[in-house]
Amino acid sequence: MEAQGKVIAILEARSGVSKAGREWMSQEYVIETPGQYPKKICFNLFGADRINEAHIQMGEDIIIEFDIDAREWQGRWFTSINAFRVTRPAAIPTNNEPMMQEPPFAADPFGQSMPQAPAMQQSQASPFDNALPSDPGDDLPF
């Protein structure tokens, strides 16, 4: 799964030593999603290498890819959101940078791409011009 938001909290890192004698590190972060009804998501990064690689800063916009897992402990259930990848959204070009041109496709109401028809010149007549009813109240095809 994926979520995008602004980092609003960086919680204290936790670390320890496993029963096998290996050191571990975990840190939790909270992001707030954009939109009319913003949601807060607390997620976990596990491993010092992932924490250092992500280098998450307060107030920055990030995209997280994560897994959701639930586990039982003493009759209660706990859900965790474990991020496995953190990226930054593409930068918005400034006024000095050229914008990419729009592709020659437009989205229809169902989200599919449709090629845009070139504008017809007025000198060209459509073969369907004469097929239109002369009475606007009688627009049924049968």
N, C-alpha and C. Protein backbone atom coordinates (compact mmCIF):
# COMPACT_ATOMS: atom_id res chain seq x y z
N MET A 1 0.84 -1.16 0.00
CA MET A 1 0.00 0.00 0.00
C MET A 1 0.89 1.24 0.00
N GLU A 2 0.27 2.38 -0.30
CA GLU A 2 1.04 3.61 -0.41
C GLU A 2 0.24 4.76 0.19
N ALA A 3 0.95 5.70 0.80
CA ALA A 3 0.33 6.91 1.36
C ALA A 3 1.30 8.07 1.20
N GLN A 4 0.73 9.27 1.06
CA GLN A 4 1.55 10.47 0.94
C GLN A 4 1.08 11.46 1.98
N GLY A 5 2.03 12.18 2.58
CA GLY A 5 1.68 13.18 3.57
C GLY A 5 2.87 13.96 4.05
N LYS A 6 2.59 14.90 4.96
CA LYS A 6 3.61 15.76 5.54
C LYS A 6 3.98 15.20 6.91
N VAL A 7 5.27 15.14 7.20
CA VAL A 7 5.74 14.63 8.48
C VAL A 7 5.39 15.64 9.57
N ILE A 8 4.59 15.19 10.56
CA ILE A 8 4.19 16.10 11.64
C ILE A 8 4.78 15.69 12.99
N ALA A 9 5.37 14.48 13.07
CA ALA A 9 5.99 14.05 14.32
C ALA A 9 7.04 12.98 14.03
N ILE A 10 8.15 13.08 14.75
CA ILE A 10 9.20 12.06 14.71
C ILE A 10 9.38 11.59 16.14
N LEU A 11 9.01 10.35 16.40
CA LEU A 11 9.08 9.82 17.75
C LEU A 11 10.48 9.32 18.08
N GLU A 12 10.71 9.12 19.34
CA GLU A 12 12.01 8.68 19.85
C GLU A 12 12.38 7.31 19.26
N ALA A 13 13.61 7.18 18.81
CA ALA A 13 14.09 5.89 18.29
C ALA A 13 14.24 4.90 19.45
N ARG A 14 13.92 3.64 19.15
CA ARG A 14 14.09 2.58 20.15
C ARG A 14 15.13 1.61 19.62
N SER A 15 15.90 1.04 20.53
CA SER A 15 16.90 0.07 20.12
C SER A 15 17.07 -0.96 21.22
N GLY A 16 17.71 -2.04 20.86
CA GLY A 16 17.92 -3.10 21.82
C GLY A 16 18.77 -4.20 21.22
N VAL A 17 18.81 -5.31 21.93
CA VAL A 17 19.57 -6.48 21.48
C VAL A 17 18.62 -7.66 21.48
N SER A 18 18.58 -8.40 20.36
CA SER A 18 17.69 -9.55 20.25
C SER A 18 18.20 -10.71 21.10
N LYS A 19 17.37 -11.74 21.24
CA LYS A 19 17.78 -12.93 21.99
C LYS A 19 18.97 -13.61 21.34
N ALA A 20 19.11 -13.40 20.02
CA ALA A 20 20.24 -13.98 19.29
C ALA A 20 21.49 -13.12 19.42
N GLY A 21 21.39 -11.99 20.11
CA GLY A 21 22.55 -11.14 20.33
C GLY A 21 22.77 -10.07 19.26
N ARG A 22 21.80 -9.88 18.38
CA ARG A 22 21.94 -8.86 17.34
C ARG A 22 21.28 -7.56 17.77
N GLU A 23 21.94 -6.45 17.47
CA GLU A 23 21.37 -5.14 17.80
C GLU A 23 20.29 -4.78 16.78
N TRP A 24 19.24 -4.10 17.26
CA TRP A 24 18.17 -3.66 16.37
C TRP A 24 17.80 -2.21 16.71
N MET A 25 17.16 -1.53 15.74
CA MET A 25 16.71 -0.15 15.95
C MET A 25 15.39 0.03 15.21
N SER A 26 14.49 0.79 15.82
CA SER A 26 13.18 1.05 15.25
C SER A 26 12.80 2.50 15.56
N GLN A 27 12.12 3.16 14.61
CA GLN A 27 11.67 4.52 14.85
C GLN A 27 10.30 4.72 14.20
N GLU A 28 9.44 5.47 14.89
CA GLU A 28 8.10 5.75 14.39
C GLU A 28 7.99 7.21 13.98
N TYR A 29 7.19 7.44 12.94
CA TYR A 29 6.94 8.76 12.39
C TYR A 29 5.44 8.91 12.20
N VAL A 30 4.96 10.15 12.17
CA VAL A 30 3.55 10.42 11.92
C VAL A 30 3.47 11.37 10.73
N ILE A 31 2.64 10.99 9.74
CA ILE A 31 2.39 11.90 8.62
C ILE A 31 0.91 12.26 8.62
N GLU A 32 0.60 13.41 8.03
CA GLU A 32 -0.78 13.85 7.87
C GLU A 32 -1.06 13.93 6.38
N THR A 33 -2.10 13.21 5.93
CA THR A 33 -2.44 13.18 4.51
C THR A 33 -3.12 14.48 4.10
N PRO A 34 -2.96 14.90 2.83
CA PRO A 34 -3.64 16.11 2.36
C PRO A 34 -5.11 15.82 2.06
N GLY A 35 -5.87 16.87 1.83
CA GLY A 35 -7.26 16.71 1.42
C GLY A 35 -8.21 17.39 2.37
N GLN A 36 -9.49 17.28 2.04
CA GLN A 36 -10.53 17.93 2.84
C GLN A 36 -10.61 17.31 4.24
N TYR A 37 -10.42 16.00 4.32
CA TYR A 37 -10.47 15.31 5.61
C TYR A 37 -9.12 14.62 5.85
N PRO A 38 -8.11 15.35 6.30
CA PRO A 38 -6.78 14.76 6.48
C PRO A 38 -6.77 13.69 7.57
N LYS A 39 -5.98 12.67 7.33
CA LYS A 39 -5.80 11.57 8.28
C LYS A 39 -4.37 11.57 8.76
N LYS A 40 -4.18 11.11 9.98
CA LYS A 40 -2.84 10.96 10.54
C LYS A 40 -2.49 9.47 10.50
N ILE A 41 -1.26 9.19 10.05
CA ILE A 41 -0.80 7.80 9.95
C ILE A 41 0.53 7.70 10.70
N CYS A 42 0.57 6.83 11.70
CA CYS A 42 1.80 6.55 12.43
C CYS A 42 2.39 5.27 11.85
N PHE A 43 3.61 5.37 11.33
CA PHE A 43 4.24 4.20 10.74
C PHE A 43 5.61 3.99 11.35
N ASN A 44 6.12 2.78 11.16
CA ASN A 44 7.36 2.34 11.77
C ASN A 44 8.39 2.03 10.68
N LEU A 45 9.63 2.45 10.92
CA LEU A 45 10.77 2.03 10.10
C LEU A 45 11.64 1.16 11.00
N PHE A 46 11.99 -0.03 10.52
CA PHE A 46 12.78 -0.95 11.32
C PHE A 46 14.14 -1.14 10.68
N GLY A 47 15.17 -0.96 11.46
CA GLY A 47 16.54 -1.15 11.00
C GLY A 47 17.27 0.17 10.86
N ALA A 48 18.46 0.23 11.44
CA ALA A 48 19.24 1.46 11.41
C ALA A 48 19.57 1.87 9.98
N ASP A 49 19.81 0.89 9.09
CA ASP A 49 20.13 1.22 7.70
C ASP A 49 18.95 1.89 7.00
N ARG A 50 17.72 1.39 7.21
CA ARG A 50 16.53 2.03 6.61
C ARG A 50 16.28 3.41 7.19
N ILE A 51 16.45 3.55 8.48
CA ILE A 51 16.23 4.85 9.14
C ILE A 51 17.20 5.88 8.59
N ASN A 52 18.48 5.50 8.48
CA ASN A 52 19.49 6.43 7.96
C ASN A 52 19.28 6.72 6.48
N GLU A 53 18.90 5.71 5.72
CA GLU A 53 18.67 5.89 4.28
C GLU A 53 17.48 6.82 4.02
N ALA A 54 16.41 6.66 4.79
CA ALA A 54 15.21 7.48 4.59
C ALA A 54 15.47 8.93 4.96
N HIS A 55 16.25 9.17 6.01
CA HIS A 55 16.62 10.51 6.46
C HIS A 55 15.40 11.45 6.48
N ILE A 56 14.37 11.04 7.21
CA ILE A 56 13.11 11.79 7.26
C ILE A 56 13.27 13.02 8.16
N GLN A 57 12.82 14.16 7.65
CA GLN A 57 12.90 15.43 8.37
C GLN A 57 11.50 15.95 8.69
N MET A 58 11.38 16.67 9.78
CA MET A 58 10.11 17.26 10.19
C MET A 58 9.61 18.24 9.13
N GLY A 59 8.34 18.15 8.77
CA GLY A 59 7.71 19.10 7.86
C GLY A 59 7.83 18.76 6.38
N GLU A 60 8.60 17.74 6.02
CA GLU A 60 8.74 17.44 4.60
C GLU A 60 7.63 16.52 4.11
N ASP A 61 7.33 16.61 2.82
CA ASP A 61 6.35 15.73 2.19
C ASP A 61 7.05 14.45 1.75
N ILE A 62 6.44 13.32 2.09
CA ILE A 62 7.02 12.03 1.71
C ILE A 62 5.92 11.10 1.22
N ILE A 63 6.36 10.07 0.52
CA ILE A 63 5.48 8.98 0.10
C ILE A 63 6.03 7.73 0.76
N ILE A 64 5.15 6.99 1.44
CA ILE A 64 5.60 5.75 2.07
C ILE A 64 4.90 4.57 1.42
N GLU A 65 5.63 3.49 1.26
CA GLU A 65 5.06 2.22 0.85
C GLU A 65 5.15 1.33 2.08
N PHE A 66 4.04 0.67 2.43
CA PHE A 66 4.00 -0.02 3.71
C PHE A 66 3.15 -1.28 3.66
N ASP A 67 3.33 -2.09 4.69
CA ASP A 67 2.52 -3.28 4.94
C ASP A 67 1.78 -3.07 6.25
N ILE A 68 0.59 -3.61 6.34
CA ILE A 68 -0.19 -3.55 7.59
C ILE A 68 -0.24 -4.96 8.16
N ASP A 69 0.01 -5.06 9.47
CA ASP A 69 0.01 -6.36 10.12
C ASP A 69 -0.69 -6.23 11.47
N ALA A 70 -1.39 -7.27 11.88
CA ALA A 70 -2.04 -7.27 13.20
C ALA A 70 -1.60 -8.52 13.95
N ARG A 71 -1.50 -8.38 15.28
CA ARG A 71 -1.10 -9.52 16.10
C ARG A 71 -1.86 -9.46 17.43
N GLU A 72 -2.00 -10.62 18.04
CA GLU A 72 -2.72 -10.71 19.31
C GLU A 72 -1.72 -10.82 20.46
N TRP A 73 -2.06 -10.17 21.55
CA TRP A 73 -1.27 -10.29 22.77
C TRP A 73 -2.23 -10.20 23.94
N GLN A 74 -2.31 -11.25 24.71
CA GLN A 74 -3.16 -11.34 25.90
C GLN A 74 -4.61 -10.96 25.60
N GLY A 75 -5.13 -11.48 24.50
CA GLY A 75 -6.53 -11.27 24.16
C GLY A 75 -6.83 -9.95 23.47
N ARG A 76 -5.83 -9.12 23.26
CA ARG A 76 -6.03 -7.83 22.57
C ARG A 76 -5.28 -7.86 21.26
N TRP A 77 -5.80 -7.13 20.29
CA TRP A 77 -5.18 -7.07 18.96
C TRP A 77 -4.52 -5.73 18.74
N PHE A 78 -3.34 -5.77 18.13
CA PHE A 78 -2.57 -4.57 17.85
C PHE A 78 -2.21 -4.55 16.36
N THR A 79 -2.38 -3.40 15.73
CA THR A 79 -2.10 -3.24 14.31
C THR A 79 -0.87 -2.37 14.14
N SER A 80 0.01 -2.76 13.24
CA SER A 80 1.20 -1.95 12.98
C SER A 80 1.30 -1.67 11.48
N ILE A 81 1.83 -0.50 11.17
CA ILE A 81 2.08 -0.08 9.79
C ILE A 81 3.59 0.00 9.64
N ASN A 82 4.14 -0.92 8.87
CA ASN A 82 5.59 -1.02 8.71
C ASN A 82 5.98 -0.54 7.31
N ALA A 83 6.68 0.58 7.25
CA ALA A 83 7.13 1.12 5.96
C ALA A 83 8.35 0.36 5.48
N PHE A 84 8.39 0.07 4.19
CA PHE A 84 9.57 -0.58 3.63
C PHE A 84 10.25 0.30 2.59
N ARG A 85 9.60 1.41 2.18
CA ARG A 85 10.23 2.34 1.24
C ARG A 85 9.71 3.74 1.51
N VAL A 86 10.60 4.72 1.52
CA VAL A 86 10.24 6.12 1.69
C VAL A 86 10.83 6.89 0.53
N THR A 87 9.98 7.64 -0.18
CA THR A 87 10.43 8.46 -1.31
C THR A 87 9.86 9.86 -1.16
N ARG A 88 10.41 10.76 -1.94
CA ARG A 88 9.91 12.14 -1.96
C ARG A 88 9.14 12.34 -3.26
N PRO A 89 8.02 13.11 -3.20
CA PRO A 89 7.29 13.38 -4.44
C PRO A 89 8.15 14.21 -5.39
N ALA A 90 7.83 14.13 -6.69
CA ALA A 90 8.59 14.89 -7.69
C ALA A 90 8.47 16.37 -7.39
N ALA A 91 9.56 17.08 -7.58
CA ALA A 91 9.59 18.52 -7.30
C ALA A 91 8.71 19.27 -8.28
N ILE A 92 8.04 20.30 -7.80
CA ILE A 92 7.21 21.15 -8.64
C ILE A 92 8.13 22.19 -9.29
N PRO A 93 8.06 22.33 -10.64
CA PRO A 93 8.97 23.27 -11.29
C PRO A 93 8.65 24.71 -10.91
N THR A 94 9.70 25.51 -10.80
CA THR A 94 9.51 26.92 -10.49
C THR A 94 9.16 27.67 -11.77
N ASN A 95 8.92 28.98 -11.69
CA ASN A 95 8.57 29.78 -12.86
C ASN A 95 9.69 29.82 -13.88
N ASN A 96 10.93 29.64 -13.47
CA ASN A 96 12.07 29.69 -14.38
C ASN A 96 12.24 28.40 -15.17
N GLU A 97 11.69 27.30 -14.64
CA GLU A 97 11.86 26.01 -15.30
C GLU A 97 10.72 25.79 -16.28
N PRO A 98 11.01 25.21 -17.46
CA PRO A 98 9.93 24.96 -18.42
C PRO A 98 9.02 23.84 -17.94
N MET A 99 7.75 24.02 -18.17
CA MET A 99 6.76 23.00 -17.81
C MET A 99 6.70 21.98 -18.94
N MET A 100 6.37 20.75 -18.60
CA MET A 100 6.17 19.74 -19.63
C MET A 100 4.88 20.06 -20.36
N GLN A 101 4.84 19.80 -21.65
CA GLN A 101 3.63 20.03 -22.41
C GLN A 101 2.64 18.93 -22.09
N GLU A 102 1.36 19.28 -22.16
CA GLU A 102 0.31 18.30 -21.91
C GLU A 102 0.35 17.23 -23.00
N PRO A 103 0.15 15.98 -22.65
CA PRO A 103 0.11 14.94 -23.66
C PRO A 103 -1.15 15.10 -24.52
N PRO A 104 -1.17 14.51 -25.71
CA PRO A 104 -2.35 14.67 -26.57
C PRO A 104 -3.49 13.76 -26.16
N PHE A 105 -3.62 13.48 -24.87
CA PHE A 105 -4.69 12.64 -24.38
C PHE A 105 -5.43 13.38 -23.28
N ALA A 106 -6.71 13.12 -23.19
CA ALA A 106 -7.53 13.68 -22.12
C ALA A 106 -8.22 12.53 -21.42
N ALA A 107 -8.51 12.69 -20.14
CA ALA A 107 -9.17 11.63 -19.38
C ALA A 107 -10.67 11.78 -19.51
N ASP A 108 -11.34 10.65 -19.75
CA ASP A 108 -12.81 10.69 -19.77
C ASP A 108 -13.31 10.52 -18.34
N PRO A 109 -14.62 10.62 -18.09
CA PRO A 109 -15.13 10.53 -16.71
C PRO A 109 -14.81 9.21 -16.02
N PHE A 110 -14.46 8.18 -16.78
CA PHE A 110 -14.18 6.88 -16.18
C PHE A 110 -12.70 6.66 -15.97
N GLY A 111 -11.86 7.70 -16.16
CA GLY A 111 -10.44 7.62 -15.90
C GLY A 111 -9.62 6.99 -17.00
N GLN A 112 -10.24 6.69 -18.16
CA GLN A 112 -9.49 6.12 -19.26
C GLN A 112 -8.98 7.24 -20.15
N SER A 113 -7.86 7.00 -20.79
CA SER A 113 -7.30 8.02 -21.67
C SER A 113 -7.93 7.92 -23.04
N MET A 114 -8.28 9.08 -23.61
CA MET A 114 -8.85 9.13 -24.95
C MET A 114 -8.09 10.17 -25.74
N PRO A 115 -7.77 9.87 -27.00
CA PRO A 115 -7.09 10.90 -27.80
C PRO A 115 -8.05 12.06 -28.07
N GLN A 116 -7.51 13.26 -28.04
CA GLN A 116 -8.32 14.44 -28.33
C GLN A 116 -8.42 14.59 -29.84
N ALA A 117 -9.61 14.88 -30.32
CA ALA A 117 -9.82 15.08 -31.75
C ALA A 117 -9.28 16.44 -32.15
N PRO A 118 -8.61 16.52 -33.29
CA PRO A 118 -8.16 17.85 -33.73
C PRO A 118 -9.38 18.70 -34.07
N ALA A 119 -9.24 19.98 -33.89
CA ALA A 119 -10.34 20.89 -34.16
C ALA A 119 -10.65 20.88 -35.64
N MET A 120 -11.95 20.78 -35.97
CA MET A 120 -12.36 20.77 -37.38
C MET A 120 -12.34 22.18 -37.92
N GLN A 121 -11.91 22.31 -39.12
CA GLN A 121 -11.94 23.60 -39.75
C GLN A 121 -13.37 23.89 -40.18
N GLN A 122 -13.75 25.15 -40.19
CA GLN A 122 -15.12 25.51 -40.51
C GLN A 122 -15.46 25.22 -41.96
N SER A 123 -14.46 25.18 -42.83
CA SER A 123 -14.72 24.93 -44.25
C SER A 123 -15.10 23.48 -44.50
N GLN A 124 -14.72 22.57 -43.57
CA GLN A 124 -15.06 21.17 -43.75
C GLN A 124 -16.44 20.91 -43.17
N ALA A 125 -17.28 20.29 -43.92
CA ALA A 125 -18.62 19.97 -43.45
C ALA A 125 -18.62 18.54 -42.94
N SER A 126 -19.32 18.32 -41.87
CA SER A 126 -19.44 16.99 -41.30
C SER A 126 -20.48 16.20 -42.08
N PRO A 127 -20.29 14.90 -42.31
CA PRO A 127 -21.30 14.11 -43.02
C PRO A 127 -22.58 13.96 -42.21
N PHE A 128 -22.53 14.33 -40.93
CA PHE A 128 -23.71 14.18 -40.09
C PHE A 128 -24.51 15.47 -39.93
N ASP A 129 -24.06 16.55 -40.61
CA ASP A 129 -24.75 17.83 -40.48
C ASP A 129 -26.21 17.74 -40.93
N ASN A 130 -26.47 17.00 -42.00
CA ASN A 130 -27.84 16.90 -42.50
C ASN A 130 -28.66 15.89 -41.73
N ALA A 131 -28.02 15.06 -40.91
CA ALA A 131 -28.74 14.02 -40.17
C ALA A 131 -29.41 14.57 -38.93
N LEU A 132 -29.08 15.79 -38.52
CA LEU A 132 -29.68 16.37 -37.32
C LEU A 132 -31.11 16.80 -37.62
N PRO A 133 -32.05 16.58 -36.67
CA PRO A 133 -33.43 16.98 -36.91
C PRO A 133 -33.55 18.50 -36.96
N SER A 134 -34.49 18.96 -37.78
CA SER A 134 -34.71 20.40 -37.88
C SER A 134 -35.51 20.90 -36.68
N ASP A 135 -36.30 20.04 -36.06
CA ASP A 135 -37.08 20.41 -34.87
C ASP A 135 -36.29 19.97 -33.63
N PRO A 136 -35.82 20.94 -32.77
CA PRO A 136 -35.01 20.55 -31.61
C PRO A 136 -35.77 19.68 -30.61
N GLY A 137 -37.08 19.70 -30.60
CA GLY A 137 -37.87 18.87 -29.69
C GLY A 137 -37.92 17.44 -30.13
N ASP A 138 -37.60 17.17 -31.42
CA ASP A 138 -37.64 15.82 -31.97
C ASP A 138 -36.22 15.33 -32.20
N ASP A 139 -35.49 15.02 -31.11
CA ASP A 139 -34.12 14.59 -31.26
C ASP A 139 -33.93 13.08 -31.07
N LEU A 140 -35.02 12.31 -31.02
CA LEU A 140 -34.91 10.86 -30.87
C LEU A 140 -34.55 10.25 -32.21
N PRO A 141 -33.67 9.24 -32.23
CA PRO A 141 -33.24 8.66 -33.49
C PRO A 141 -34.25 7.70 -34.10
N PHE A 142 -35.38 7.43 -33.45
CA PHE A 142 -36.36 6.48 -34.01
C PHE A 142 -37.73 7.05 -34.03
